[in-house]
Amino acid sequence: MASKICTICGKKSGMSWTLVKLRGKYNPTQKVRKYPNLQWARLASGKRVLACAKCIKRMAKV
C-alpha cells in the first residue's frame, strides 16, 4: 500500500476535532484524522507519483 504523503511537498495527515453544538455551546467530541487529497500524477520525466491536488494544480500552471 502506498503511503499517504505527497511526494512533492511532503503534506501528510493531520488531526482535527469534530465539534457538536450542545445547548448553545460547542462540545468537542472526538478527534478525526484528515488525509490530504492524493492523486496519481505523471511527472515530466514519466514517473508516476502520489501528489496532492494542490501540487497537481501548481504543476499544470508551469
PDB file of N, CA and C in Angstrom:
ATOM      1  N   MET A   1       0.832  -1.186   0.000  1.00  0.00           N
ATOM      2  CA  MET A   1       0.000   0.000   0.000  1.00  0.00           C
ATOM      3  C   MET A   1       0.874   1.246   0.000  1.00  0.00           C
ATOM      4  N   ALA A   2       0.468   2.223  -0.791  1.00  0.00           N
ATOM      5  CA  ALA A   2       1.236   3.458  -0.885  1.00  0.00           C
ATOM      6  C   ALA A   2       1.030   4.292   0.378  1.00  0.00           C
ATOM      7  N   SER A   3       2.072   5.030   0.746  1.00  0.00           N
ATOM      8  CA  SER A   3       1.947   5.865   1.936  1.00  0.00           C
ATOM      9  C   SER A   3       1.077   7.080   1.634  1.00  0.00           C
ATOM     10  N   LYS A   4       0.529   7.700   2.666  1.00  0.00           N
ATOM     11  CA  LYS A   4      -0.398   8.822   2.496  1.00  0.00           C
ATOM     12  C   LYS A   4       0.326  10.146   2.675  1.00  0.00           C
ATOM     13  N   ILE A   5       1.447  10.297   1.948  1.00  0.00           N
ATOM     14  CA  ILE A   5       2.250  11.522   1.993  1.00  0.00           C
ATOM     15  C   ILE A   5       2.487  11.986   0.556  1.00  0.00           C
ATOM     16  N   CYS A   6       2.334  13.274   0.312  1.00  0.00           N
ATOM     17  CA  CYS A   6       2.601  13.838  -1.016  1.00  0.00           C
ATOM     18  C   CYS A   6       4.097  13.782  -1.279  1.00  0.00           C
ATOM     19  N   THR A   7       4.502  13.245  -2.437  1.00  0.00           N
ATOM     20  CA  THR A   7       5.930  13.114  -2.740  1.00  0.00           C
ATOM     21  C   THR A   7       6.549  14.439  -3.155  1.00  0.00           C
ATOM     22  N   ILE A   8       5.743  15.436  -3.537  1.00  0.00           N
ATOM     23  CA  ILE A   8       6.279  16.715  -3.995  1.00  0.00           C
ATOM     24  C   ILE A   8       6.479  17.680  -2.831  1.00  0.00           C
ATOM     25  N   CYS A   9       5.412  17.937  -2.062  1.00  0.00           N
ATOM     26  CA  CYS A   9       5.515  18.932  -0.985  1.00  0.00           C
ATOM     27  C   CYS A   9       5.665  18.298   0.397  1.00  0.00           C
ATOM     28  N   GLY A  10       5.395  17.000   0.542  1.00  0.00           N
ATOM     29  CA  GLY A  10       5.544  16.344   1.832  1.00  0.00           C
ATOM     30  C   GLY A  10       4.338  16.494   2.748  1.00  0.00           C
ATOM     31  N   LYS A  11       3.193  16.926   2.187  1.00  0.00           N
ATOM     32  CA  LYS A  11       1.987  17.089   3.002  1.00  0.00           C
ATOM     33  C   LYS A  11       1.530  15.721   3.497  1.00  0.00           C
ATOM     34  N   LYS A  12       1.142  15.650   4.779  1.00  0.00           N
ATOM     35  CA  LYS A  12       0.669  14.392   5.344  1.00  0.00           C
ATOM     36  C   LYS A  12      -0.568  14.636   6.189  1.00  0.00           C
ATOM     37  N   SER A  13      -1.039  13.606   6.857  1.00  0.00           N
ATOM     38  CA  SER A  13      -2.291  13.716   7.600  1.00  0.00           C
ATOM     39  C   SER A  13      -2.132  14.615   8.819  1.00  0.00           C
ATOM     40  N   GLY A  14      -3.278  15.112   9.292  1.00  0.00           N
ATOM     41  CA  GLY A  14      -3.299  15.957  10.477  1.00  0.00           C
ATOM     42  C   GLY A  14      -4.508  15.629  11.314  1.00  0.00           C
ATOM     43  N   MET A  15      -4.472  16.022  12.589  1.00  0.00           N
ATOM     44  CA  MET A  15      -5.594  15.749  13.478  1.00  0.00           C
ATOM     45  C   MET A  15      -6.553  16.938  13.480  1.00  0.00           C
ATOM     46  N   SER A  16      -7.834  16.622  13.603  1.00  0.00           N
ATOM     47  CA  SER A  16      -8.887  17.634  13.647  1.00  0.00           C
ATOM     48  C   SER A  16      -9.923  17.183  14.656  1.00  0.00           C
ATOM     49  N   TRP A  17     -10.718  18.121  15.134  1.00  0.00           N
ATOM     50  CA  TRP A  17     -11.768  17.793  16.088  1.00  0.00           C
ATOM     51  C   TRP A  17     -13.115  18.038  15.441  1.00  0.00           C
ATOM     52  N   THR A  18     -14.065  17.139  15.714  1.00  0.00           N
ATOM     53  CA  THR A  18     -15.434  17.392  15.291  1.00  0.00           C
ATOM     54  C   THR A  18     -16.141  18.076  16.447  1.00  0.00           C
ATOM     55  N   LEU A  19     -16.768  19.205  16.164  1.00  0.00           N
ATOM     56  CA  LEU A  19     -17.450  19.982  17.195  1.00  0.00           C
ATOM     57  C   LEU A  19     -18.947  19.830  17.027  1.00  0.00           C
ATOM     58  N   VAL A  20     -19.634  19.540  18.116  1.00  0.00           N
ATOM     59  CA  VAL A  20     -21.083  19.401  18.125  1.00  0.00           C
ATOM     60  C   VAL A  20     -21.640  20.489  19.028  1.00  0.00           C
ATOM     61  N   LYS A  21     -22.607  21.232  18.503  1.00  0.00           N
ATOM     62  CA  LYS A  21     -23.211  22.298  19.306  1.00  0.00           C
ATOM     63  C   LYS A  21     -24.259  21.687  20.231  1.00  0.00           C
ATOM     64  N   LEU A  22     -24.108  21.937  21.520  1.00  0.00           N
ATOM     65  CA  LEU A  22     -25.000  21.365  22.514  1.00  0.00           C
ATOM     66  C   LEU A  22     -25.420  22.463  23.487  1.00  0.00           C
ATOM     67  N   ARG A  23     -26.679  22.810  23.498  1.00  0.00           N
ATOM     68  CA  ARG A  23     -27.238  23.844  24.367  1.00  0.00           C
ATOM     69  C   ARG A  23     -26.491  25.180  24.244  1.00  0.00           C
ATOM     70  N   GLY A  24     -26.211  25.579  23.017  1.00  0.00           N
ATOM     71  CA  GLY A  24     -25.584  26.886  22.779  1.00  0.00           C
ATOM     72  C   GLY A  24     -24.080  26.900  22.912  1.00  0.00           C
ATOM     73  N   LYS A  25     -23.466  25.791  23.335  1.00  0.00           N
ATOM     74  CA  LYS A  25     -22.003  25.725  23.467  1.00  0.00           C
ATOM     75  C   LYS A  25     -21.477  24.595  22.585  1.00  0.00           C
ATOM     76  N   TYR A  26     -20.250  24.764  22.110  1.00  0.00           N
ATOM     77  CA  TYR A  26     -19.632  23.724  21.294  1.00  0.00           C
ATOM     78  C   TYR A  26     -19.001  22.672  22.188  1.00  0.00           C
ATOM     79  N   ASN A  27     -19.310  21.421  21.892  1.00  0.00           N
ATOM     80  CA  ASN A  27     -18.822  20.307  22.680  1.00  0.00           C
ATOM     81  C   ASN A  27     -17.804  19.531  21.849  1.00  0.00           C
ATOM     82  N   PRO A  28     -16.503  19.633  22.160  1.00  0.00           N
ATOM     83  CA  PRO A  28     -15.516  18.862  21.392  1.00  0.00           C
ATOM     84  C   PRO A  28     -15.677  17.374  21.697  1.00  0.00           C
ATOM     85  N   THR A  29     -16.071  16.608  20.691  1.00  0.00           N
ATOM     86  CA  THR A  29     -16.427  15.221  20.961  1.00  0.00           C
ATOM     87  C   THR A  29     -15.318  14.241  20.660  1.00  0.00           C
ATOM     88  N   GLN A  30     -14.795  14.245  19.450  1.00  0.00           N
ATOM     89  CA  GLN A  30     -13.792  13.240  19.136  1.00  0.00           C
ATOM     90  C   GLN A  30     -12.783  13.780  18.145  1.00  0.00           C
ATOM     91  N   LYS A  31     -11.620  13.160  18.133  1.00  0.00           N
ATOM     92  CA  LYS A  31     -10.576  13.522  17.189  1.00  0.00           C
ATOM     93  C   LYS A  31     -10.787  12.736  15.894  1.00  0.00           C
ATOM     94  N   VAL A  32     -10.495  13.392  14.776  1.00  0.00           N
ATOM     95  CA  VAL A  32     -10.617  12.765  13.470  1.00  0.00           C
ATOM     96  C   VAL A  32      -9.330  13.030  12.718  1.00  0.00           C
ATOM     97  N   ARG A  33      -8.786  12.017  12.057  1.00  0.00           N
ATOM     98  CA  ARG A  33      -7.582  12.208  11.247  1.00  0.00           C
ATOM     99  C   ARG A  33      -7.997  12.584   9.834  1.00  0.00           C
ATOM    100  N   LYS A  34      -7.495  13.724   9.349  1.00  0.00           N
ATOM    101  CA  LYS A  34      -7.806  14.190   7.994  1.00  0.00           C
ATOM    102  C   LYS A  34      -6.596  13.917   7.101  1.00  0.00           C
ATOM    103  N   TYR A  35      -6.853  13.336   5.930  1.00  0.00           N
ATOM    104  CA  TYR A  35      -5.800  12.980   4.996  1.00  0.00           C
ATOM    105  C   TYR A  35      -5.807  13.944   3.812  1.00  0.00           C
ATOM    106  N   PRO A  36      -4.632  14.193   3.196  1.00  0.00           N
ATOM    107  CA  PRO A  36      -4.594  15.063   2.022  1.00  0.00           C
ATOM    108  C   PRO A  36      -5.227  14.374   0.814  1.00  0.00           C
ATOM    109  N   ASN A  37      -5.667  15.162  -0.144  1.00  0.00           N
ATOM    110  CA  ASN A  37      -6.300  14.656  -1.360  1.00  0.00           C
ATOM    111  C   ASN A  37      -5.206  14.207  -2.322  1.00  0.00           C
ATOM    112  N   LEU A  38      -4.771  12.954  -2.199  1.00  0.00           N
ATOM    113  CA  LEU A  38      -3.689  12.436  -3.025  1.00  0.00           C
ATOM    114  C   LEU A  38      -4.227  11.787  -4.288  1.00  0.00           C
ATOM    115  N   GLN A  39      -3.569  12.090  -5.408  1.00  0.00           N
ATOM    116  CA  GLN A  39      -3.930  11.530  -6.713  1.00  0.00           C
ATOM    117  C   GLN A  39      -2.651  11.045  -7.382  1.00  0.00           C
ATOM    118  N   TRP A  40      -2.801  10.060  -8.266  1.00  0.00           N
ATOM    119  CA  TRP A  40      -1.655   9.623  -9.051  1.00  0.00           C
ATOM    120  C   TRP A  40      -1.424  10.648 -10.153  1.00  0.00           C
ATOM    121  N   ALA A  41      -0.185  11.124 -10.285  1.00  0.00           N
ATOM    122  CA  ALA A  41       0.156  12.109 -11.309  1.00  0.00           C
ATOM    123  C   ALA A  41       1.441  11.672 -12.000  1.00  0.00           C
ATOM    124  N   ARG A  42       1.574  12.071 -13.253  1.00  0.00           N
ATOM    125  CA  ARG A  42       2.765  11.719 -14.018  1.00  0.00           C
ATOM    126  C   ARG A  42       3.647  12.962 -14.125  1.00  0.00           C
ATOM    127  N   LEU A  43       4.910  12.817 -13.727  1.00  0.00           N
ATOM    128  CA  LEU A  43       5.857  13.930 -13.815  1.00  0.00           C
ATOM    129  C   LEU A  43       6.364  14.069 -15.244  1.00  0.00           C
ATOM    130  N   ALA A  44       7.134  15.127 -15.508  1.00  0.00           N
ATOM    131  CA  ALA A  44       7.688  15.360 -16.840  1.00  0.00           C
ATOM    132  C   ALA A  44       8.665  14.251 -17.232  1.00  0.00           C
ATOM    133  N   SER A  45       9.281  13.630 -16.227  1.00  0.00           N
ATOM    134  CA  SER A  45      10.223  12.537 -16.507  1.00  0.00           C
ATOM    135  C   SER A  45       9.512  11.233 -16.844  1.00  0.00           C
ATOM    136  N   GLY A  46       8.177  11.202 -16.687  1.00  0.00           N
ATOM    137  CA  GLY A  46       7.412   9.995 -16.990  1.00  0.00           C
ATOM    138  C   GLY A  46       7.138   9.121 -15.786  1.00  0.00           C
ATOM    139  N   LYS A  47       7.659   9.524 -14.629  1.00  0.00           N
ATOM    140  CA  LYS A  47       7.475   8.740 -13.403  1.00  0.00           C
ATOM    141  C   LYS A  47       6.117   9.059 -12.778  1.00  0.00           C
ATOM    142  N   ARG A  48       5.383   8.021 -12.298  1.00  0.00           N
ATOM    143  CA  ARG A  48       4.098   8.214 -11.629  1.00  0.00           C
ATOM    144  C   ARG A  48       4.334   8.361 -10.132  1.00  0.00           C
ATOM    145  N   VAL A  49       3.770   9.420  -9.546  1.00  0.00           N
ATOM    146  CA  VAL A  49       3.929   9.670  -8.113  1.00  0.00           C
ATOM    147  C   VAL A  49       2.580  10.036  -7.514  1.00  0.00           C
ATOM    148  N   LEU A  50       2.461   9.874  -6.192  1.00  0.00           N
ATOM    149  CA  LEU A  50       1.277  10.337  -5.469  1.00  0.00           C
ATOM    150  C   LEU A  50       1.512  11.792  -5.099  1.00  0.00           C
ATOM    151  N   ALA A  51       0.655  12.677  -5.604  1.00  0.00           N
ATOM    152  CA  ALA A  51       0.785  14.099  -5.323  1.00  0.00           C
ATOM    153  C   ALA A  51      -0.554  14.635  -4.857  1.00  0.00           C
ATOM    154  N   CYS A  52      -0.530  15.644  -3.984  1.00  0.00           N
ATOM    155  CA  CYS A  52      -1.781  16.238  -3.521  1.00  0.00           C
ATOM    156  C   CYS A  52      -2.355  17.107  -4.643  1.00  0.00           C
ATOM    157  N   ALA A  53      -3.651  17.373  -4.556  1.00  0.00           N
ATOM    158  CA  ALA A  53      -4.349  18.116  -5.608  1.00  0.00           C
ATOM    159  C   ALA A  53      -3.760  19.509  -5.792  1.00  0.00           C
ATOM    160  N   LYS A  54      -3.287  20.114  -4.710  1.00  0.00           N
ATOM    161  CA  LYS A  54      -2.702  21.454  -4.792  1.00  0.00           C
ATOM    162  C   LYS A  54      -1.427  21.440  -5.641  1.00  0.00           C
ATOM    163  N   CYS A  55      -0.597  20.410  -5.465  1.00  0.00           N
ATOM    164  CA  CYS A  55       0.644  20.301  -6.255  1.00  0.00           C
ATOM    165  C   CYS A  55       0.342  20.017  -7.729  1.00  0.00           C
ATOM    166  N   ILE A  56      -0.707  19.213  -8.003  1.00  0.00           N
ATOM    167  CA  ILE A  56      -1.079  18.918  -9.372  1.00  0.00           C
ATOM    168  C   ILE A  56      -1.548  20.185 -10.068  1.00  0.00           C
ATOM    169  N   LYS A  57      -2.328  21.031  -9.378  1.00  0.00           N
ATOM    170  CA  LYS A  57      -2.750  22.306  -9.932  1.00  0.00           C
ATOM    171  C   LYS A  57      -1.544  23.194 -10.219  1.00  0.00           C
ATOM    172  N   ARG A  58      -0.589  23.203  -9.284  1.00  0.00           N
ATOM    173  CA  ARG A  58       0.603  24.032  -9.433  1.00  0.00           C
ATOM    174  C   ARG A  58       1.442  23.570 -10.620  1.00  0.00           C
ATOM    175  N   MET A  59       1.527  22.229 -10.818  1.00  0.00           N
ATOM    176  CA  MET A  59       2.309  21.698 -11.947  1.00  0.00           C
ATOM    177  C   MET A  59       1.646  22.065 -13.266  1.00  0.00           C
ATOM    178  N   ALA A  60       0.314  22.135 -13.316  1.00  0.00           N
ATOM    179  CA  ALA A  60      -0.394  22.456 -14.557  1.00  0.00           C
ATOM    180  C   ALA A  60      -0.140  23.896 -14.988  1.00  0.00           C
ATOM    181  N   LYS A  61       0.104  24.796 -14.024  1.00  0.00           N
ATOM    182  CA  LYS A  61       0.343  26.204 -14.355  1.00  0.00           C
ATOM    183  C   LYS A  61       1.694  26.413 -15.014  1.00  0.00           C
ATOM    184  N   VAL A  62       2.682  25.619 -14.650  1.00  0.00           N
ATOM    185  CA  VAL A  62       4.047  25.818 -15.158  1.00  0.00           C
ATOM    186  C   VAL A  62       4.194  25.280 -16.555  1.00  0.00           C
TER     187      VAL A  62
END
